[in-house]
Amino acid sequence: MRWKQLRQADLNLLVAFAVFAEELSISAAAERLLLSQPAASRTLQRLRVLFHDDLLVRGPGGYQLTPAGGRLQADLNRLLPQLDDLLGRPVFNAASEQASFRLAGPDNVCSMLCPLLCTQVLPSAPLVKFNFVPWSDAVLADLDRGRIDLVLSNDEVLVPAHLESQALYRERWRCIVSNESSLPEQLSLERYLAAEHVIVSVLDGVQTIPDKRLAALGHARRSSIRVPYFGAALECIPQTEFVLTATSSIARVAAAHRGLRVIEAPPELTGFSFQAIWHPRLNTDPAHAWLRRELLKVSGGIKP
């Protein structure tokens, strides 16, 4: 039968032998194992029966390992730490272990977090890989099926009760306009509603957060163009009177663009948080727990 010898063996004997091999003394080993000397001698005898070898024999200068005992010590020095990790609380060592994570999120949160992962996480985690996939209306279903490890979304996405979530950082809205635009540095709601907008809608037909804020006040934006990505929206702004409403990460990209200017959005467009969402089956997975800690750590320095 498979594993027959393992099932019949007392694995505590392996730990005892590791101590015998280190001490090369029955009395010293007995003290470390919290055994009487006769009990330690009986343990050594059981080991000899188990491995069909004397393992430890008395010589001119004290006890010595037999060749079989030396091989067993070398094997246990390799195996016992692995067994200890297996039975104890596992820890993911990002400096030396491999891991690959599949994440989904819209481009505004990716624009914020991906540079931080590249500069603050990956340098000390050389065998870790992050694979970001496009946002879709199936991301939460993919999370359930194990196709995605973690979803990044705004906190206005309804999270099913069986999933876990954690807030990462706060965001507030900025407006991006052409350098040639006549709009002031602080937009009133009236000026904002009078403008023509480039709207980023990640999911077709789904209301964006600015649109929700305006709808609650009985207003709507005027727009003749909608795009799925903020990167594409930024290219629509120069030499126009369009307004793009974006998060701070996108605003930082725009601030480096010669043809763009960042101004303050109306105060009625209140902020929100980005959150991480995952399946509870991954709660105790060491690598996934490490990922969540790192995301929380890097996002802790983000200011809205």
Protein backbone atom coordinates (compact mmCIF):
# COMPACT_ATOMS: atom_id res chain seq x y z
CA MET A 1 0.00 0.00 0.00
CA ARG A 2 1.25 3.49 -0.82
CA TRP A 3 2.69 5.34 2.21
CA LYS A 4 2.55 2.11 4.24
CA GLN A 5 5.94 2.66 5.90
CA LEU A 6 5.18 6.31 6.59
CA ARG A 7 1.81 5.49 8.13
CA GLN A 8 3.37 2.94 10.47
CA ALA A 9 6.32 5.12 11.55
CA ASP A 10 6.42 7.47 14.54
CA LEU A 11 7.58 10.71 12.93
CA ASN A 12 8.59 12.08 16.34
CA LEU A 13 11.49 9.66 16.12
CA LEU A 14 12.93 11.72 13.26
CA VAL A 15 13.05 14.81 15.43
CA ALA A 16 14.67 12.79 18.19
CA PHE A 17 17.33 11.48 15.83
CA ALA A 18 18.14 15.02 14.65
CA VAL A 19 18.89 15.87 18.29
CA PHE A 20 20.94 12.72 18.84
CA ALA A 21 22.97 13.52 15.70
CA GLU A 22 23.63 17.08 16.83
CA GLU A 23 24.60 16.21 20.41
CA LEU A 24 26.40 12.86 19.85
CA SER A 25 25.53 12.24 23.49
CA ILE A 26 22.61 10.26 24.94
CA SER A 27 22.49 12.32 28.13
CA ALA A 28 22.65 15.70 26.35
CA ALA A 29 20.02 14.59 23.86
CA ALA A 30 17.80 13.33 26.70
CA GLU A 31 17.98 16.77 28.33
CA ARG A 32 16.98 18.58 25.14
CA LEU A 33 14.16 16.12 24.44
CA LEU A 34 12.90 16.35 28.06
CA LEU A 35 13.39 12.59 28.48
CA SER A 36 15.04 10.50 31.13
CA GLN A 37 18.27 8.85 30.02
CA PRO A 38 16.67 5.36 29.92
CA ALA A 39 13.80 6.75 27.81
CA ALA A 40 16.31 8.39 25.46
CA SER A 41 18.15 5.07 25.13
CA ARG A 42 14.89 3.30 24.28
CA THR A 43 14.16 6.00 21.66
CA LEU A 44 17.55 5.40 20.06
CA GLN A 45 16.85 1.68 20.02
CA ARG A 46 13.54 2.25 18.23
CA LEU A 47 15.36 4.35 15.65
CA ARG A 48 17.85 1.55 15.07
CA VAL A 49 15.02 -0.91 14.49
CA LEU A 50 13.21 1.51 12.18
CA PHE A 51 16.25 2.14 9.97
CA HIS A 52 17.90 -1.28 10.35
CA ASP A 53 21.19 0.35 11.33
CA ASP A 54 23.02 1.31 14.54
CA LEU A 55 22.98 4.98 13.42
CA LEU A 56 24.95 6.12 16.47
CA VAL A 57 27.80 4.08 17.94
CA ARG A 58 30.23 4.64 20.79
CA GLY A 59 33.83 5.30 19.70
CA PRO A 60 37.10 6.27 21.38
CA GLY A 61 36.11 9.93 21.63
CA GLY A 62 32.39 9.44 22.28
CA TYR A 63 29.45 8.64 20.04
CA GLN A 64 29.81 8.81 16.26
CA LEU A 65 27.37 8.54 13.38
CA THR A 66 27.48 5.50 11.16
CA PRO A 67 27.50 6.16 7.37
CA ALA A 68 23.73 5.52 7.34
CA GLY A 69 23.34 7.85 10.31
CA GLY A 70 25.26 10.58 8.49
CA ARG A 71 23.06 10.24 5.41
CA LEU A 72 19.94 10.36 7.58
CA GLN A 73 21.16 13.50 9.33
CA ALA A 74 21.80 15.20 5.97
CA ASP A 75 18.32 14.24 4.72
CA LEU A 76 16.63 15.46 7.91
CA ASN A 77 18.50 18.78 7.81
CA ARG A 78 16.78 19.32 4.48
CA LEU A 79 13.37 17.78 5.20
CA LEU A 80 12.55 18.84 8.77
CA PRO A 81 12.48 22.60 8.04
CA GLN A 82 10.12 21.90 5.12
CA LEU A 83 7.86 19.78 7.34
CA ASP A 84 7.92 22.48 9.99
CA ASP A 85 6.79 25.05 7.41
CA LEU A 86 4.10 22.64 6.18
CA LEU A 87 2.68 22.08 9.65
CA GLY A 88 3.21 25.57 10.98
CA ARG A 89 1.77 28.87 9.83
CA PRO A 90 3.09 29.29 6.26
CA VAL A 91 4.81 32.52 5.30
CA PHE A 92 5.49 33.73 1.77
CA ASN A 93 9.08 34.90 1.27
CA ALA A 94 8.89 37.35 -1.61
CA ALA A 95 12.66 37.65 -1.78
CA SER A 96 13.13 34.03 -2.82
CA GLU A 97 9.77 32.47 -3.76
CA GLN A 98 7.86 32.52 -7.03
CA ALA A 99 4.31 33.84 -7.34
CA SER A 100 2.14 35.03 -10.20
CA PHE A 101 -0.95 37.17 -9.65
CA ARG A 102 -3.71 37.99 -12.09
CA LEU A 103 -5.43 41.29 -11.25
CA ALA A 104 -8.19 43.32 -12.91
CA GLY A 105 -8.87 47.03 -12.61
CA PRO A 106 -9.76 50.13 -14.67
CA ASP A 107 -6.88 52.17 -16.05
CA ASN A 108 -7.13 54.99 -13.48
CA VAL A 109 -6.39 52.69 -10.53
CA CYS A 110 -3.76 50.82 -12.57
CA SER A 111 -2.11 54.15 -13.41
CA MET A 112 -1.82 54.85 -9.70
CA LEU A 113 -0.79 51.46 -8.33
CA CYS A 114 1.32 49.90 -11.09
CA PRO A 115 4.17 52.46 -10.85
CA LEU A 116 4.24 51.96 -7.07
CA LEU A 117 4.43 48.18 -7.49
CA CYS A 118 7.30 48.63 -9.95
CA THR A 119 9.32 50.92 -7.68
CA GLN A 120 8.43 49.75 -4.17
CA VAL A 121 7.55 46.04 -4.43
CA LEU A 122 9.13 44.30 -7.42
CA PRO A 123 12.74 45.28 -6.64
CA SER A 124 12.61 43.12 -3.50
CA ALA A 125 10.40 40.43 -5.04
CA PRO A 126 12.38 39.28 -8.11
CA LEU A 127 10.34 36.12 -8.76
CA VAL A 128 6.89 37.73 -8.40
CA LYS A 129 4.85 38.56 -11.50
CA PHE A 130 1.80 40.84 -11.78
CA ASN A 131 -0.52 40.36 -14.76
CA PHE A 132 -3.14 43.12 -15.04
CA VAL A 133 -6.07 42.32 -17.31
CA PRO A 134 -8.72 44.74 -18.68
CA TRP A 135 -11.80 45.52 -16.63
CA SER A 136 -15.02 43.87 -17.76
CA ASP A 137 -18.48 43.15 -16.43
CA ALA A 138 -17.34 39.55 -15.79
CA VAL A 139 -14.50 40.33 -13.34
CA LEU A 140 -16.41 39.32 -10.20
CA ALA A 141 -17.58 36.10 -11.85
CA ASP A 142 -13.98 35.43 -12.88
CA LEU A 143 -12.97 36.03 -9.27
CA ASP A 144 -15.46 33.37 -8.18
CA ARG A 145 -14.11 30.90 -10.75
CA GLY A 146 -10.48 31.50 -9.79
CA ARG A 147 -9.57 33.11 -13.12
CA ILE A 148 -8.60 36.34 -11.34
CA ASP A 149 -6.82 36.60 -8.00
CA LEU A 150 -7.82 40.14 -7.04
CA VAL A 151 -10.05 42.91 -8.39
CA LEU A 152 -9.38 46.63 -7.96
CA SER A 153 -12.49 48.79 -8.16
CA ASN A 154 -14.12 51.91 -6.81
CA ASP A 155 -16.12 51.42 -3.63
CA GLU A 156 -19.40 52.13 -5.40
CA VAL A 157 -19.19 48.74 -7.12
CA LEU A 158 -21.60 46.45 -5.29
CA VAL A 159 -19.53 43.64 -3.75
CA PRO A 160 -21.43 40.35 -3.31
CA ALA A 161 -21.74 39.33 0.34
CA HIS A 162 -19.64 36.19 -0.09
CA LEU A 163 -16.56 38.13 -1.30
CA GLU A 164 -13.98 39.98 0.80
CA SER A 165 -13.00 43.62 0.29
CA GLN A 166 -10.64 46.19 1.77
CA ALA A 167 -10.42 49.94 1.14
CA LEU A 168 -7.04 51.04 -0.24
CA TYR A 169 -6.97 54.82 -0.74
CA ARG A 170 -9.19 57.85 -1.27
CA GLU A 171 -9.58 59.69 -4.56
CA ARG A 172 -11.00 63.04 -5.54
CA TRP A 173 -11.91 64.44 -8.93
CA ARG A 174 -9.94 66.89 -11.07
CA CYS A 175 -10.82 68.42 -14.41
CA ILE A 176 -8.40 68.38 -17.32
CA VAL A 177 -8.68 70.97 -20.07
CA SER A 178 -6.60 72.28 -22.92
CA ASN A 179 -3.94 74.88 -22.15
CA GLU A 180 -5.86 77.15 -24.49
CA SER A 181 -9.14 76.75 -22.58
CA SER A 182 -10.70 79.83 -21.04
CA LEU A 183 -12.07 77.90 -18.06
CA PRO A 184 -10.94 79.12 -14.60
CA GLU A 185 -8.78 77.20 -12.10
CA GLN A 186 -11.87 76.31 -10.02
CA LEU A 187 -15.00 75.24 -11.83
CA SER A 188 -18.42 76.05 -10.49
CA LEU A 189 -21.17 73.52 -11.08
CA GLU A 190 -22.79 75.95 -13.52
CA ARG A 191 -19.63 76.31 -15.66
CA TYR A 192 -19.04 72.55 -15.47
CA LEU A 193 -22.53 71.73 -16.76
CA ALA A 194 -22.22 74.30 -19.55
CA ALA A 195 -19.07 72.65 -20.91
CA GLU A 196 -18.80 69.81 -23.41
CA HIS A 197 -17.25 66.69 -21.86
CA VAL A 198 -15.15 63.74 -22.89
CA ILE A 199 -16.53 60.90 -20.77
CA VAL A 200 -14.65 57.76 -19.82
CA SER A 201 -17.07 54.86 -19.45
CA VAL A 202 -15.25 51.59 -18.68
CA LEU A 203 -18.40 49.51 -19.10
CA ASP A 204 -20.79 50.46 -21.87
CA GLY A 205 -24.09 51.75 -20.53
CA VAL A 206 -22.97 51.85 -16.89
CA GLN A 207 -23.26 55.21 -15.16
CA THR A 208 -19.94 56.72 -14.05
CA ILE A 209 -19.38 58.19 -10.57
CA PRO A 210 -19.50 61.84 -11.76
CA ASP A 211 -22.75 61.08 -13.58
CA LYS A 212 -24.18 59.53 -10.40
CA ARG A 213 -23.23 62.62 -8.39
CA LEU A 214 -24.87 64.89 -10.95
CA ALA A 215 -27.96 62.71 -11.30
CA ALA A 216 -28.51 62.95 -7.54
CA LEU A 217 -28.66 66.73 -8.01
CA GLY A 218 -30.93 66.46 -11.05
CA HIS A 219 -28.24 67.29 -13.63
CA ALA A 220 -26.40 65.57 -16.48
CA ARG A 221 -23.24 66.29 -18.47
CA ARG A 222 -23.23 67.21 -22.15
CA SER A 223 -21.03 64.91 -24.18
CA SER A 224 -20.56 63.94 -27.81
CA ILE A 225 -17.80 61.37 -27.20
CA ARG A 226 -17.31 58.48 -24.78
CA VAL A 227 -14.17 56.33 -24.64
CA PRO A 228 -13.21 53.31 -22.49
CA TYR A 229 -9.75 54.54 -21.40
CA PHE A 230 -8.42 57.66 -19.73
CA GLY A 231 -5.27 57.49 -21.87
CA ALA A 232 -7.37 57.87 -25.01
CA ALA A 233 -9.47 60.61 -23.40
CA LEU A 234 -6.38 62.70 -22.61
CA GLU A 235 -5.46 62.77 -26.29
CA CYS A 236 -8.88 64.25 -27.09
CA ILE A 237 -8.40 67.38 -24.97
CA PRO A 238 -5.60 69.52 -26.51
CA GLN A 239 -6.76 72.37 -28.79
CA THR A 240 -10.42 71.85 -27.79
CA GLU A 241 -12.86 73.23 -25.23
CA PHE A 242 -13.65 69.74 -23.92
CA VAL A 243 -13.42 68.87 -20.23
CA LEU A 244 -12.22 65.52 -18.91
CA THR A 245 -13.12 64.59 -15.34
CA ALA A 246 -10.45 62.29 -13.94
CA THR A 247 -8.83 60.97 -10.79
CA SER A 248 -5.60 62.31 -9.33
CA SER A 249 -3.42 59.64 -10.96
CA ILE A 250 -4.65 60.65 -14.41
CA ALA A 251 -4.34 64.33 -13.46
CA ARG A 252 -0.65 63.76 -12.66
CA VAL A 253 -0.13 62.34 -16.15
CA ALA A 254 -1.97 65.33 -17.62
CA ALA A 255 0.13 67.81 -15.63
CA ALA A 256 3.24 66.59 -17.48
CA HIS A 257 1.57 67.15 -20.87
CA ARG A 258 2.39 70.54 -22.42
CA GLY A 259 -0.98 70.85 -24.06
CA LEU A 260 -3.05 70.19 -20.94
CA ARG A 261 -4.00 72.02 -17.75
CA VAL A 262 -5.42 70.56 -14.52
CA ILE A 263 -8.12 72.54 -12.72
CA GLU A 264 -10.38 71.89 -9.72
CA ALA A 265 -13.67 70.07 -10.26
CA PRO A 266 -16.90 71.40 -8.75
CA PRO A 267 -17.13 70.54 -5.03
CA GLU A 268 -20.41 68.77 -5.74
CA LEU A 269 -18.36 65.96 -7.37
CA THR A 270 -17.41 64.30 -4.10
CA GLY A 271 -14.68 61.66 -3.87
CA PHE A 272 -14.63 57.93 -3.37
CA SER A 273 -12.26 55.10 -2.42
CA PHE A 274 -10.60 52.40 -4.42
CA GLN A 275 -10.84 48.92 -2.92
CA ALA A 276 -9.40 45.45 -3.33
CA ILE A 277 -11.82 42.52 -3.72
CA TRP A 278 -10.94 38.84 -3.44
CA HIS A 279 -12.50 35.44 -2.79
CA PRO A 280 -12.39 34.18 0.84
CA ARG A 281 -10.77 30.91 -0.25
CA LEU A 282 -7.59 33.00 -0.59
CA ASN A 283 -7.78 34.53 2.89
CA THR A 284 -5.09 32.29 4.36
CA ASP A 285 -3.02 31.75 1.22
CA PRO A 286 0.45 33.08 2.18
CA ALA A 287 1.25 34.62 -1.21
CA HIS A 288 -2.16 36.28 -1.54
CA ALA A 289 -1.97 37.62 2.02
CA TRP A 290 1.43 39.11 1.11
CA LEU A 291 -0.11 40.71 -2.00
CA ARG A 292 -2.88 42.34 0.04
CA ARG A 293 -0.39 43.66 2.60
CA GLU A 294 1.80 45.13 -0.13
CA LEU A 295 -1.15 46.83 -1.85
CA LEU A 296 -2.26 48.32 1.45
CA LYS A 297 1.29 49.45 2.21
CA VAL A 298 1.93 51.21 -1.12
CA SER A 299 -1.52 52.79 -1.19
CA GLY A 300 -1.05 54.16 2.33
CA GLY A 301 1.08 57.00 0.99
CA ILE A 302 -1.38 58.07 -1.68
CA LYS A 303 -2.94 61.46 -1.00
CA PRO A 304 -6.25 62.41 -2.62
